[in-house]
Amino acid sequence: MLGGLVRRLITIWLLLALGCVALGQSLGDVARQTRQKQKPKATANKKVITNEDIPESPAQPSSSDAAGKAESTLSADGASKPLTAFQWREKILTQRDVIETLRAKINKLNSSIHFITASESSSAIEYNQYQVRAQQDVKAMQKQLDEEWKKLGDMEEAARKEGMGAALYEP
């Protein structure tokens, strides 16, 4: 009787010990190990996309990168292939974002430009020189804005030529 009790206690102790070891391993780890064990059995024709294949947060391309990437769609033989409706829409919306960002910067800089007279401050000359430089920056940014508008017009015209309607890029 005592031997049976000792055996049961040892069995319970082993089960508890194994349970603690199992609890130390997360469910995600168990699933990952199971997947790795099953990989050799999978056929070569099937592609299963897992979280490991997908980046956690897609990198946001800068406006110049996105515009350049959409323009340089060349196939393997070097011939350019037409953009899809989604690609045109993304390209045009990205260009509009560039224009809006630049326009906001110009407006912010313009609103900060204020000249003062020499009687208002002892450093009025230096301050006004800074304001003149800010005005020059605004002129340069305005020139860049005009170029960005021209790019947008060219994109819209190219999209029209490829048969994309106005509803494609006007949300």
Protein backbone atom coordinates (compact mmCIF):
# COMPACT_ATOMS: atom_id res chain seq x y z
CA MET A 1 0.00 0.00 0.00
CA LEU A 2 2.78 2.35 0.89
CA GLY A 3 4.57 1.45 -2.38
CA GLY A 4 1.46 2.36 -4.39
CA LEU A 5 1.20 5.69 -2.64
CA VAL A 6 4.86 6.48 -3.30
CA ARG A 7 4.41 5.55 -6.96
CA ARG A 8 1.39 7.84 -7.24
CA LEU A 9 3.25 10.71 -5.58
CA ILE A 10 6.21 10.24 -7.91
CA THR A 11 3.85 10.12 -10.92
CA ILE A 12 2.06 13.29 -9.78
CA TRP A 13 5.38 14.99 -9.15
CA LEU A 14 6.62 14.06 -12.67
CA LEU A 15 3.40 15.30 -14.27
CA LEU A 16 3.66 18.59 -12.40
CA ALA A 17 7.31 18.97 -13.37
CA LEU A 18 6.52 18.29 -17.02
CA GLY A 19 3.58 20.68 -16.82
CA CYS A 20 5.83 23.44 -15.52
CA VAL A 21 8.25 22.85 -18.37
CA ALA A 22 5.38 22.99 -20.87
CA LEU A 23 4.06 26.21 -19.32
CA GLY A 24 7.48 27.80 -19.71
CA GLN A 25 7.11 27.49 -23.48
CA SER A 26 4.70 29.91 -25.12
CA LEU A 27 1.99 28.81 -27.50
CA GLY A 28 3.71 30.75 -30.27
CA ASP A 29 6.94 28.81 -29.71
CA VAL A 30 5.07 25.52 -29.82
CA ALA A 31 3.33 26.52 -33.07
CA ARG A 32 6.64 27.65 -34.61
CA GLN A 33 8.31 24.36 -33.68
CA THR A 34 5.39 22.41 -35.12
CA ARG A 35 5.58 24.39 -38.36
CA GLN A 36 9.31 23.77 -38.64
CA LYS A 37 8.80 20.06 -38.12
CA GLN A 38 6.13 20.00 -40.84
CA LYS A 39 8.07 22.05 -43.43
CA PRO A 40 9.84 19.07 -45.04
CA LYS A 41 6.43 17.43 -45.66
CA ALA A 42 5.04 20.45 -47.56
CA THR A 43 5.02 20.29 -51.33
CA ALA A 44 7.28 22.54 -53.36
CA ASN A 45 4.39 24.00 -55.40
CA LYS A 46 2.58 25.54 -52.45
CA LYS A 47 3.74 28.79 -50.86
CA VAL A 48 2.38 29.52 -47.41
CA ILE A 49 2.83 33.08 -46.27
CA THR A 50 3.43 33.40 -42.57
CA ASN A 51 3.99 36.36 -40.28
CA GLU A 52 7.72 35.76 -40.66
CA ASP A 53 7.40 36.52 -44.40
CA ILE A 54 5.56 39.81 -43.83
CA PRO A 55 7.42 42.82 -42.38
CA GLU A 56 5.98 44.20 -39.14
CA SER A 57 5.49 47.72 -40.48
CA PRO A 58 5.85 48.51 -44.16
CA ALA A 59 8.30 51.29 -44.77
CA GLN A 60 6.68 54.42 -46.09
CA PRO A 61 8.47 55.45 -49.25
CA SER A 62 9.43 59.06 -49.53
CA SER A 63 7.57 61.07 -52.12
CA SER A 64 10.50 61.20 -54.52
CA ASP A 65 11.09 57.45 -54.15
CA ALA A 66 7.47 56.59 -54.89
CA ALA A 67 7.31 58.87 -57.92
CA GLY A 68 10.60 57.55 -59.29
CA LYS A 69 9.67 53.94 -58.66
CA ALA A 70 6.37 54.27 -60.53
CA GLU A 71 8.09 55.90 -63.49
CA SER A 72 10.75 53.23 -63.78
CA THR A 73 8.62 50.16 -64.40
CA LEU A 74 10.78 48.26 -66.83
CA SER A 75 10.31 44.62 -67.62
CA ALA A 76 13.18 42.14 -67.87
CA ASP A 77 13.66 42.80 -71.60
CA GLY A 78 14.06 46.56 -71.01
CA ALA A 79 10.69 47.62 -72.44
CA SER A 80 8.52 49.73 -70.18
CA LYS A 81 5.26 48.14 -69.18
CA PRO A 82 2.10 50.18 -68.53
CA LEU A 83 1.17 50.97 -64.96
CA THR A 84 -1.92 49.49 -63.39
CA ALA A 85 -4.78 51.69 -62.25
CA PHE A 86 -3.69 51.23 -58.63
CA GLN A 87 -0.10 52.24 -59.47
CA TRP A 88 -1.30 55.36 -61.29
CA ARG A 89 -3.56 56.29 -58.41
CA GLU A 90 -0.77 55.83 -55.85
CA LYS A 91 1.68 57.78 -57.97
CA ILE A 92 -0.71 60.69 -58.46
CA LEU A 93 -1.81 60.79 -54.82
CA THR A 94 1.82 60.73 -53.71
CA GLN A 95 2.58 63.66 -55.99
CA ARG A 96 -0.40 65.55 -54.57
CA ASP A 97 0.91 64.90 -51.06
CA VAL A 98 4.29 66.34 -52.10
CA ILE A 99 2.53 69.44 -53.42
CA GLU A 100 0.42 69.88 -50.29
CA THR A 101 3.43 69.47 -48.01
CA LEU A 102 5.44 71.99 -49.97
CA ARG A 103 2.50 74.41 -50.06
CA ALA A 104 2.12 74.14 -46.27
CA LYS A 105 5.84 74.85 -45.78
CA ILE A 106 5.61 77.91 -48.01
CA ASN A 107 2.56 79.23 -46.16
CA LYS A 108 4.21 78.67 -42.77
CA LEU A 109 7.41 80.43 -43.85
CA ASN A 110 5.46 83.28 -45.47
CA SER A 111 3.45 83.84 -42.29
CA SER A 112 6.68 84.07 -40.25
CA ILE A 113 8.22 86.84 -42.38
CA HIS A 114 7.87 90.25 -40.70
CA PHE A 115 10.23 93.16 -41.22
CA ILE A 116 10.87 95.65 -38.43
CA THR A 117 12.15 99.21 -38.43
CA ALA A 118 15.46 100.24 -36.93
CA SER A 119 13.70 102.15 -34.16
CA GLU A 120 11.97 98.97 -32.92
CA SER A 121 15.14 97.01 -32.22
CA SER A 122 18.88 97.46 -32.07
CA SER A 123 19.42 94.32 -34.14
CA ALA A 124 16.85 95.25 -36.80
CA ILE A 125 19.37 95.04 -39.65
CA GLU A 126 20.38 91.47 -38.81
CA TYR A 127 16.77 90.46 -38.28
CA ASN A 128 15.66 91.97 -41.57
CA GLN A 129 18.52 90.24 -43.39
CA TYR A 130 17.21 86.96 -42.01
CA GLN A 131 13.74 87.88 -43.28
CA VAL A 132 15.17 88.60 -46.75
CA ARG A 133 16.80 85.15 -46.76
CA ALA A 134 13.45 83.66 -45.75
CA GLN A 135 11.81 85.45 -48.69
CA GLN A 136 14.46 84.01 -51.01
CA ASP A 137 13.76 80.56 -49.61
CA VAL A 138 10.06 81.07 -50.30
CA LYS A 139 10.83 82.02 -53.92
CA ALA A 140 12.96 78.89 -54.36
CA MET A 141 10.26 76.74 -52.78
CA GLN A 142 7.65 78.38 -55.02
CA LYS A 143 9.76 77.48 -58.05
CA GLN A 144 9.97 73.89 -56.79
CA LEU A 145 6.20 73.90 -56.21
CA ASP A 146 5.63 74.98 -59.82
CA GLU A 147 7.83 72.07 -60.99
CA GLU A 148 5.87 69.64 -58.80
CA TRP A 149 2.60 70.93 -60.29
CA LYS A 150 4.04 70.35 -63.76
CA LYS A 151 5.01 66.78 -62.79
CA LEU A 152 1.47 66.20 -61.54
CA GLY A 153 0.02 67.48 -64.80
CA ASP A 154 2.35 65.21 -66.78
CA MET A 155 1.34 62.22 -64.64
CA GLU A 156 -2.35 62.93 -65.10
CA GLU A 157 -1.91 63.31 -68.85
CA ALA A 158 0.07 60.06 -69.07
CA ALA A 159 -2.65 58.29 -67.07
CA ARG A 160 -5.30 59.65 -69.47
CA LYS A 161 -3.27 58.44 -72.44
CA GLU A 162 -3.16 54.96 -70.94
CA GLY A 163 -6.94 55.01 -70.63
CA MET A 164 -7.29 55.84 -66.98
CA GLY A 165 -10.24 58.09 -66.22
CA ALA A 166 -10.32 61.18 -64.02
CA ALA A 167 -12.11 59.25 -61.27
CA LEU A 168 -8.95 57.15 -60.88
CA TYR A 169 -6.91 59.92 -59.32
CA GLU A 170 -9.57 62.26 -57.96
CA PRO A 171 -10.77 60.71 -54.70
